[in-house]
PDB file of N, CA and C in Angstrom:
ATOM      1  N   MET A   1       3.695 -55.135  39.630  1.00  0.00           N
ATOM      2  CA  MET A   1       2.641 -54.376  38.981  1.00  0.00           C
ATOM      3  C   MET A   1       2.673 -54.656  37.479  1.00  0.00           C
ATOM      4  N   PRO A   2       1.509 -54.990  36.860  1.00  0.00           N
ATOM      5  CA  PRO A   2       1.490 -55.291  35.421  1.00  0.00           C
ATOM      6  C   PRO A   2       1.793 -54.039  34.598  1.00  0.00           C
ATOM      7  N   GLN A   3       2.446 -54.236  33.467  1.00  0.00           N
ATOM      8  CA  GLN A   3       2.764 -53.138  32.568  1.00  0.00           C
ATOM      9  C   GLN A   3       1.504 -52.693  31.842  1.00  0.00           C
ATOM     10  N   GLU A   4       1.303 -51.384  31.738  1.00  0.00           N
ATOM     11  CA  GLU A   4       0.139 -50.855  31.043  1.00  0.00           C
ATOM     12  C   GLU A   4       0.324 -50.995  29.538  1.00  0.00           C
ATOM     13  N   THR A   5      -0.772 -51.260  28.846  1.00  0.00           N
ATOM     14  CA  THR A   5      -0.746 -51.345  27.395  1.00  0.00           C
ATOM     15  C   THR A   5      -1.485 -50.139  26.848  1.00  0.00           C
ATOM     16  N   ILE A   6      -0.802 -49.370  26.043  1.00  0.00           N
ATOM     17  CA  ILE A   6      -1.457 -48.222  25.415  1.00  0.00           C
ATOM     18  C   ILE A   6      -1.247 -48.296  23.909  1.00  0.00           C
ATOM     19  N   GLY A   7      -2.197 -47.734  23.189  1.00  0.00           N
ATOM     20  CA  GLY A   7      -2.101 -47.702  21.733  1.00  0.00           C
ATOM     21  C   GLY A   7      -1.310 -46.494  21.270  1.00  0.00           C
ATOM     22  N   ARG A   8      -1.317 -46.311  19.982  1.00  0.00           N
ATOM     23  CA  ARG A   8      -0.594 -45.179  19.406  1.00  0.00           C
ATOM     24  C   ARG A   8      -1.340 -43.881  19.751  1.00  0.00           C
ATOM     25  N   PRO A   9      -0.628 -42.773  19.822  1.00  0.00           N
ATOM     26  CA  PRO A   9      -1.289 -41.491  20.108  1.00  0.00           C
ATOM     27  C   PRO A   9      -2.313 -41.148  19.031  1.00  0.00           C
ATOM     28  N   ILE A  10      -3.459 -40.639  19.452  1.00  0.00           N
ATOM     29  CA  ILE A  10      -4.496 -40.173  18.519  1.00  0.00           C
ATOM     30  C   ILE A  10      -4.947 -38.786  18.956  1.00  0.00           C
ATOM     31  N   GLN A  11      -5.626 -38.105  18.087  1.00  0.00           N
ATOM     32  CA  GLN A  11      -6.105 -36.763  18.397  1.00  0.00           C
ATOM     33  C   GLN A  11      -7.624 -36.739  18.392  1.00  0.00           C
ATOM     34  N   ILE A  12      -8.202 -37.397  19.378  1.00  0.00           N
ATOM     35  CA  ILE A  12      -9.646 -37.410  19.579  1.00  0.00           C
ATOM     36  C   ILE A  12      -9.893 -36.789  20.950  1.00  0.00           C
ATOM     37  N   ALA A  13     -10.717 -35.769  21.015  1.00  0.00           N
ATOM     38  CA  ALA A  13     -10.983 -35.117  22.295  1.00  0.00           C
ATOM     39  C   ALA A  13     -11.423 -36.143  23.333  1.00  0.00           C
ATOM     40  N   GLY A  14     -10.723 -36.172  24.450  1.00  0.00           N
ATOM     41  CA  GLY A  14     -11.079 -37.071  25.541  1.00  0.00           C
ATOM     42  C   GLY A  14     -10.410 -38.429  25.484  1.00  0.00           C
ATOM     43  N   MET A  15      -9.609 -38.695  24.459  1.00  0.00           N
ATOM     44  CA  MET A  15      -8.929 -39.985  24.342  1.00  0.00           C
ATOM     45  C   MET A  15      -7.552 -39.766  23.736  1.00  0.00           C
ATOM     46  N   ALA A  16      -6.502 -40.037  24.522  1.00  0.00           N
ATOM     47  CA  ALA A  16      -5.132 -39.744  24.109  1.00  0.00           C
ATOM     48  C   ALA A  16      -4.515 -40.830  23.231  1.00  0.00           C
ATOM     49  N   TYR A  17      -4.941 -42.089  23.423  1.00  0.00           N
ATOM     50  CA  TYR A  17      -4.319 -43.214  22.727  1.00  0.00           C
ATOM     51  C   TYR A  17      -5.374 -44.097  22.076  1.00  0.00           C
ATOM     52  N   ALA A  18      -5.012 -44.721  20.957  1.00  0.00           N
ATOM     53  CA  ALA A  18      -5.916 -45.628  20.243  1.00  0.00           C
ATOM     54  C   ALA A  18      -6.273 -46.819  21.127  1.00  0.00           C
ATOM     55  N   PRO A  19      -7.448 -47.386  20.933  1.00  0.00           N
ATOM     56  CA  PRO A  19      -7.864 -48.539  21.735  1.00  0.00           C
ATOM     57  C   PRO A  19      -6.943 -49.743  21.548  1.00  0.00           C
ATOM     58  N   THR A  20      -6.837 -50.534  22.608  1.00  0.00           N
ATOM     59  CA  THR A  20      -6.091 -51.791  22.549  1.00  0.00           C
ATOM     60  C   THR A  20      -6.972 -52.972  22.911  1.00  0.00           C
ATOM     61  N   ASN A  21      -8.284 -52.710  23.099  1.00  0.00           N
ATOM     62  CA  ASN A  21      -9.236 -53.780  23.403  1.00  0.00           C
ATOM     63  C   ASN A  21     -10.649 -53.292  23.066  1.00  0.00           C
ATOM     64  N   GLU A  22     -11.613 -54.186  23.204  1.00  0.00           N
ATOM     65  CA  GLU A  22     -12.990 -53.858  22.814  1.00  0.00           C
ATOM     66  C   GLU A  22     -13.581 -52.722  23.644  1.00  0.00           C
ATOM     67  N   GLN A  23     -13.284 -52.670  24.922  1.00  0.00           N
ATOM     68  CA  GLN A  23     -13.834 -51.599  25.758  1.00  0.00           C
ATOM     69  C   GLN A  23     -13.308 -50.233  25.313  1.00  0.00           C
ATOM     70  N   GLY A  24     -12.069 -50.190  24.851  1.00  0.00           N
ATOM     71  CA  GLY A  24     -11.532 -48.953  24.296  1.00  0.00           C
ATOM     72  C   GLY A  24     -12.275 -48.536  23.048  1.00  0.00           C
ATOM     73  N   VAL A  25     -12.651 -49.513  22.211  1.00  0.00           N
ATOM     74  CA  VAL A  25     -13.420 -49.215  21.002  1.00  0.00           C
ATOM     75  C   VAL A  25     -14.807 -48.692  21.386  1.00  0.00           C
ATOM     76  N   VAL A  26     -15.415 -49.262  22.420  1.00  0.00           N
ATOM     77  CA  VAL A  26     -16.720 -48.790  22.898  1.00  0.00           C
ATOM     78  C   VAL A  26     -16.610 -47.320  23.314  1.00  0.00           C
ATOM     79  N   PHE A  27     -15.567 -46.993  24.070  1.00  0.00           N
ATOM     80  CA  PHE A  27     -15.381 -45.611  24.517  1.00  0.00           C
ATOM     81  C   PHE A  27     -15.163 -44.674  23.324  1.00  0.00           C
ATOM     82  N   LEU A  28     -14.297 -45.067  22.404  1.00  0.00           N
ATOM     83  CA  LEU A  28     -14.018 -44.249  21.231  1.00  0.00           C
ATOM     84  C   LEU A  28     -15.280 -44.069  20.385  1.00  0.00           C
ATOM     85  N   PHE A  29     -16.043 -45.138  20.210  1.00  0.00           N
ATOM     86  CA  PHE A  29     -17.298 -45.054  19.469  1.00  0.00           C
ATOM     87  C   PHE A  29     -18.238 -44.045  20.138  1.00  0.00           C
ATOM     88  N   GLY A  30     -18.288 -44.070  21.459  1.00  0.00           N
ATOM     89  CA  GLY A  30     -19.119 -43.107  22.183  1.00  0.00           C
ATOM     90  C   GLY A  30     -18.697 -41.665  21.921  1.00  0.00           C
ATOM     91  N   ARG A  31     -17.394 -41.445  21.789  1.00  0.00           N
ATOM     92  CA  ARG A  31     -16.879 -40.106  21.503  1.00  0.00           C
ATOM     93  C   ARG A  31     -17.208 -39.676  20.067  1.00  0.00           C
ATOM     94  N   LEU A  32     -17.179 -40.630  19.126  1.00  0.00           N
ATOM     95  CA  LEU A  32     -17.329 -40.294  17.708  1.00  0.00           C
ATOM     96  C   LEU A  32     -18.752 -40.431  17.167  1.00  0.00           C
ATOM     97  N   ALA A  33     -19.616 -41.155  17.848  1.00  0.00           N
ATOM     98  CA  ALA A  33     -20.968 -41.406  17.332  1.00  0.00           C
ATOM     99  C   ALA A  33     -21.692 -40.135  16.876  1.00  0.00           C
ATOM    100  N   PRO A  34     -21.689 -39.067  17.657  1.00  0.00           N
ATOM    101  CA  PRO A  34     -22.387 -37.859  17.188  1.00  0.00           C
ATOM    102  C   PRO A  34     -21.796 -37.287  15.900  1.00  0.00           C
ATOM    103  N   ARG A  35     -20.488 -37.391  15.749  1.00  0.00           N
ATOM    104  CA  ARG A  35     -19.830 -36.853  14.540  1.00  0.00           C
ATOM    105  C   ARG A  35     -20.238 -37.599  13.276  1.00  0.00           C
ATOM    106  N   ILE A  36     -20.529 -38.897  13.426  1.00  0.00           N
ATOM    107  CA  ILE A  36     -20.872 -39.694  12.249  1.00  0.00           C
ATOM    108  C   ILE A  36     -22.375 -39.922  12.119  1.00  0.00           C
ATOM    109  N   GLY A  37     -23.144 -39.199  12.935  1.00  0.00           N
ATOM    110  CA  GLY A  37     -24.594 -39.208  12.782  1.00  0.00           C
ATOM    111  C   GLY A  37     -25.302 -40.365  13.454  1.00  0.00           C
ATOM    112  N   ILE A  38     -24.694 -40.953  14.478  1.00  0.00           N
ATOM    113  CA  ILE A  38     -25.341 -42.053  15.198  1.00  0.00           C
ATOM    114  C   ILE A  38     -25.811 -41.560  16.557  1.00  0.00           C
ATOM    115  N   GLN A  39     -27.074 -41.836  16.864  1.00  0.00           N
ATOM    116  CA  GLN A  39     -27.657 -41.513  18.159  1.00  0.00           C
ATOM    117  C   GLN A  39     -27.837 -42.827  18.915  1.00  0.00           C
ATOM    118  N   VAL A  40     -27.036 -43.049  19.943  1.00  0.00           N
ATOM    119  CA  VAL A  40     -27.117 -44.291  20.727  1.00  0.00           C
ATOM    120  C   VAL A  40     -28.237 -44.153  21.736  1.00  0.00           C
ATOM    121  N   GLU A  41     -29.107 -45.155  21.811  1.00  0.00           N
ATOM    122  CA  GLU A  41     -30.179 -45.104  22.796  1.00  0.00           C
ATOM    123  C   GLU A  41     -30.049 -46.194  23.852  1.00  0.00           C
ATOM    124  N   GLU A  42     -29.224 -47.209  23.597  1.00  0.00           N
ATOM    125  CA  GLU A  42     -29.095 -48.303  24.563  1.00  0.00           C
ATOM    126  C   GLU A  42     -27.726 -48.957  24.388  1.00  0.00           C
ATOM    127  N   VAL A  43     -27.074 -49.274  25.501  1.00  0.00           N
ATOM    128  CA  VAL A  43     -25.801 -49.996  25.486  1.00  0.00           C
ATOM    129  C   VAL A  43     -25.992 -51.257  26.318  1.00  0.00           C
ATOM    130  N   ASN A  44     -25.556 -52.406  25.765  1.00  0.00           N
ATOM    131  CA  ASN A  44     -25.781 -53.703  26.398  1.00  0.00           C
ATOM    132  C   ASN A  44     -24.465 -54.421  26.680  1.00  0.00           C
ATOM    133  N   THR A  45     -24.532 -55.413  27.557  1.00  0.00           N
ATOM    134  CA  THR A  45     -23.384 -56.291  27.787  1.00  0.00           C
ATOM    135  C   THR A  45     -23.544 -57.592  27.010  1.00  0.00           C
ATOM    136  N   ARG A  46     -24.617 -57.709  26.260  1.00  0.00           N
ATOM    137  CA  ARG A  46     -24.856 -58.874  25.410  1.00  0.00           C
ATOM    138  C   ARG A  46     -25.115 -58.374  23.993  1.00  0.00           C
ATOM    139  N   PHE A  47     -25.242 -59.298  23.051  1.00  0.00           N
ATOM    140  CA  PHE A  47     -25.482 -58.936  21.662  1.00  0.00           C
ATOM    141  C   PHE A  47     -26.878 -58.358  21.484  1.00  0.00           C
ATOM    142  N   PRO A  48     -27.069 -57.316  20.759  1.00  0.00           N
ATOM    143  CA  PRO A  48     -26.071 -56.406  20.205  1.00  0.00           C
ATOM    144  C   PRO A  48     -25.556 -55.459  21.283  1.00  0.00           C
ATOM    145  N   ASP A  49     -24.344 -54.954  21.092  1.00  0.00           N
ATOM    146  CA  ASP A  49     -23.733 -54.077  22.082  1.00  0.00           C
ATOM    147  C   ASP A  49     -24.476 -52.758  22.227  1.00  0.00           C
ATOM    148  N   CYS A  50     -25.054 -52.268  21.153  1.00  0.00           N
ATOM    149  CA  CYS A  50     -25.785 -50.989  21.172  1.00  0.00           C
ATOM    150  C   CYS A  50     -27.026 -51.079  20.305  1.00  0.00           C
ATOM    151  N   ILE A  51     -27.991 -50.269  20.668  1.00  0.00           N
ATOM    152  CA  ILE A  51     -29.142 -49.996  19.807  1.00  0.00           C
ATOM    153  C   ILE A  51     -29.097 -48.495  19.575  1.00  0.00           C
ATOM    154  N   GLY A  52     -29.257 -48.097  18.344  1.00  0.00           N
ATOM    155  CA  GLY A  52     -29.200 -46.672  18.057  1.00  0.00           C
ATOM    156  C   GLY A  52     -29.910 -46.326  16.771  1.00  0.00           C
ATOM    157  N   TRP A  53     -29.776 -45.087  16.396  1.00  0.00           N
ATOM    158  CA  TRP A  53     -30.392 -44.579  15.175  1.00  0.00           C
ATOM    159  C   TRP A  53     -29.313 -44.084  14.240  1.00  0.00           C
ATOM    160  N   TYR A  54     -29.418 -44.474  12.968  1.00  0.00           N
ATOM    161  CA  TYR A  54     -28.476 -44.040  11.940  1.00  0.00           C
ATOM    162  C   TYR A  54     -29.246 -43.838  10.647  1.00  0.00           C
ATOM    163  N   ARG A  55     -29.122 -42.666  10.074  1.00  0.00           N
ATOM    164  CA  ARG A  55     -29.815 -42.326   8.827  1.00  0.00           C
ATOM    165  C   ARG A  55     -31.317 -42.585   8.905  1.00  0.00           C
ATOM    166  N   GLY A  56     -31.895 -42.244  10.040  1.00  0.00           N
ATOM    167  CA  GLY A  56     -33.332 -42.357  10.221  1.00  0.00           C
ATOM    168  C   GLY A  56     -33.853 -43.748  10.504  1.00  0.00           C
ATOM    169  N   LYS A  57     -32.957 -44.712  10.682  1.00  0.00           N
ATOM    170  CA  LYS A  57     -33.390 -46.081  10.948  1.00  0.00           C
ATOM    171  C   LYS A  57     -32.818 -46.568  12.271  1.00  0.00           C
ATOM    172  N   ARG A  58     -33.640 -47.285  13.013  1.00  0.00           N
ATOM    173  CA  ARG A  58     -33.180 -47.911  14.255  1.00  0.00           C
ATOM    174  C   ARG A  58     -32.308 -49.106  13.872  1.00  0.00           C
ATOM    175  N   CYS A  59     -31.149 -49.246  14.511  1.00  0.00           N
ATOM    176  CA  CYS A  59     -30.244 -50.314  14.111  1.00  0.00           C
ATOM    177  C   CYS A  59     -29.559 -50.962  15.306  1.00  0.00           C
ATOM    178  N   LYS A  60     -29.179 -52.229  15.080  1.00  0.00           N
ATOM    179  CA  LYS A  60     -28.406 -52.996  16.059  1.00  0.00           C
ATOM    180  C   LYS A  60     -26.935 -52.797  15.717  1.00  0.00           C
ATOM    181  N   ILE A  61     -26.150 -52.402  16.712  1.00  0.00           N
ATOM    182  CA  ILE A  61     -24.737 -52.087  16.503  1.00  0.00           C
ATOM    183  C   ILE A  61     -23.899 -53.025  17.357  1.00  0.00           C
ATOM    184  N   GLU A  62     -22.958 -53.692  16.719  1.00  0.00           N
ATOM    185  CA  GLU A  62     -22.039 -54.584  17.437  1.00  0.00           C
ATOM    186  C   GLU A  62     -20.657 -53.946  17.412  1.00  0.00           C
ATOM    187  N   VAL A  63     -19.989 -53.933  18.558  1.00  0.00           N
ATOM    188  CA  VAL A  63     -18.659 -53.340  18.688  1.00  0.00           C
ATOM    189  C   VAL A  63     -17.644 -54.458  18.893  1.00  0.00           C
ATOM    190  N   GLU A  64     -16.584 -54.420  18.124  1.00  0.00           N
ATOM    191  CA  GLU A  64     -15.503 -55.414  18.223  1.00  0.00           C
ATOM    192  C   GLU A  64     -14.164 -54.686  18.159  1.00  0.00           C
ATOM    193  N   TYR A  65     -13.153 -55.228  18.821  1.00  0.00           N
ATOM    194  CA  TYR A  65     -11.816 -54.654  18.710  1.00  0.00           C
ATOM    195  C   TYR A  65     -11.276 -54.880  17.302  1.00  0.00           C
ATOM    196  N   ARG A  66     -11.467 -56.082  16.792  1.00  0.00           N
ATOM    197  CA  ARG A  66     -11.089 -56.427  15.418  1.00  0.00           C
ATOM    198  C   ARG A  66     -12.316 -57.014  14.720  1.00  0.00           C
ATOM    199  N   ALA A  67     -12.390 -56.835  13.423  1.00  0.00           N
ATOM    200  CA  ALA A  67     -13.526 -57.369  12.659  1.00  0.00           C
ATOM    201  C   ALA A  67     -13.623 -58.879  12.814  1.00  0.00           C
ATOM    202  N   SER A  68     -12.489 -59.555  12.945  1.00  0.00           N
ATOM    203  CA  SER A  68     -12.509 -61.015  13.105  1.00  0.00           C
ATOM    204  C   SER A  68     -13.219 -61.436  14.391  1.00  0.00           C
ATOM    205  N   GLY A  69     -13.380 -60.520  15.328  1.00  0.00           N
ATOM    206  CA  GLY A  69     -14.103 -60.836  16.564  1.00  0.00           C
ATOM    207  C   GLY A  69     -15.585 -61.063  16.340  1.00  0.00           C
ATOM    208  N   TYR A  70     -16.087 -60.685  15.169  1.00  0.00           N
ATOM    209  CA  TYR A  70     -17.510 -60.880  14.861  1.00  0.00           C
ATOM    210  C   TYR A  70     -17.820 -62.321  14.480  1.00  0.00           C
ATOM    211  N   ARG A  71     -16.793 -63.107  14.173  1.00  0.00           N
ATOM    212  CA  ARG A  71     -17.031 -64.523  13.835  1.00  0.00           C
ATOM    213  C   ARG A  71     -17.823 -65.188  14.946  1.00  0.00           C
ATOM    214  N   GLY A  72     -18.758 -66.029  14.555  1.00  0.00           N
ATOM    215  CA  GLY A  72     -19.575 -66.723  15.536  1.00  0.00           C
ATOM    216  C   GLY A  72     -20.906 -66.045  15.798  1.00  0.00           C
ATOM    217  N   HIS A  73     -21.041 -64.782  15.423  1.00  0.00           N
ATOM    218  CA  HIS A  73     -22.325 -64.101  15.535  1.00  0.00           C
ATOM    219  C   HIS A  73     -23.142 -64.441  14.287  1.00  0.00           C
ATOM    220  N   ARG A  74     -24.434 -64.311  14.404  1.00  0.00           N
ATOM    221  CA  ARG A  74     -25.295 -64.514  13.241  1.00  0.00           C
ATOM    222  C   ARG A  74     -24.936 -63.519  12.153  1.00  0.00           C
ATOM    223  N   ALA A  75     -24.840 -63.988  10.928  1.00  0.00           N
ATOM    224  CA  ALA A  75     -24.436 -63.127   9.808  1.00  0.00           C
ATOM    225  C   ALA A  75     -25.335 -61.904   9.666  1.00  0.00           C
ATOM    226  N   ALA A  76     -26.621 -62.073   9.872  1.00  0.00           N
ATOM    227  CA  ALA A  76     -27.563 -60.979   9.712  1.00  0.00           C
ATOM    228  C   ALA A  76     -27.943 -60.370  11.073  1.00  0.00           C
ATOM    229  N   GLY A  77     -27.140 -60.617  12.083  1.00  0.00           N
ATOM    230  CA  GLY A  77     -27.501 -60.166  13.437  1.00  0.00           C
ATOM    231  C   GLY A  77     -27.354 -58.686  13.685  1.00  0.00           C
ATOM    232  N   ALA A  78     -26.380 -58.035  13.083  1.00  0.00           N
ATOM    233  CA  ALA A  78     -26.133 -56.623  13.338  1.00  0.00           C
ATOM    234  C   ALA A  78     -26.348 -55.811  12.059  1.00  0.00           C
ATOM    235  N   ASP A  79     -26.802 -54.583  12.267  1.00  0.00           N
ATOM    236  CA  ASP A  79     -26.949 -53.667  11.130  1.00  0.00           C
ATOM    237  C   ASP A  79     -25.641 -52.916  10.874  1.00  0.00           C
ATOM    238  N   LEU A  80     -24.892 -52.648  11.952  1.00  0.00           N
ATOM    239  CA  LEU A  80     -23.602 -51.979  11.863  1.00  0.00           C
ATOM    240  C   LEU A  80     -22.596 -52.699  12.741  1.00  0.00           C
ATOM    241  N   ILE A  81     -21.372 -52.830  12.277  1.00  0.00           N
ATOM    242  CA  ILE A  81     -20.293 -53.392  13.076  1.00  0.00           C
ATOM    243  C   ILE A  81     -19.234 -52.317  13.189  1.00  0.00           C
ATOM    244  N   VAL A  82     -18.893 -51.958  14.411  1.00  0.00           N
ATOM    245  CA  VAL A  82     -17.896 -50.929  14.678  1.00  0.00           C
ATOM    246  C   VAL A  82     -16.640 -51.619  15.172  1.00  0.00           C
ATOM    247  N   CYS A  83     -15.516 -51.373  14.497  1.00  0.00           N
ATOM    248  CA  CYS A  83     -14.232 -51.988  14.872  1.00  0.00           C
ATOM    249  C   CYS A  83     -13.185 -50.932  15.078  1.00  0.00           C
TER     250      CYS A  83
END
């Protein structure tokens, strides 16, 4: 059986440990989006990962585990990058 990988403990309702991959960041972003004023309206499996509203503007949101994961995307492709 493969060993589980967990991040450091965090205190976010519904998530006990920090993300260790991009899908964990997607989940954490979903938990925190309302707190930071983002209304997600669409989640995709292709670029951009999300479409949502922030500060009254519709925006393309890309989610990455690390900021370096954004390399290779168009520089002006996303309005927000969540890492």
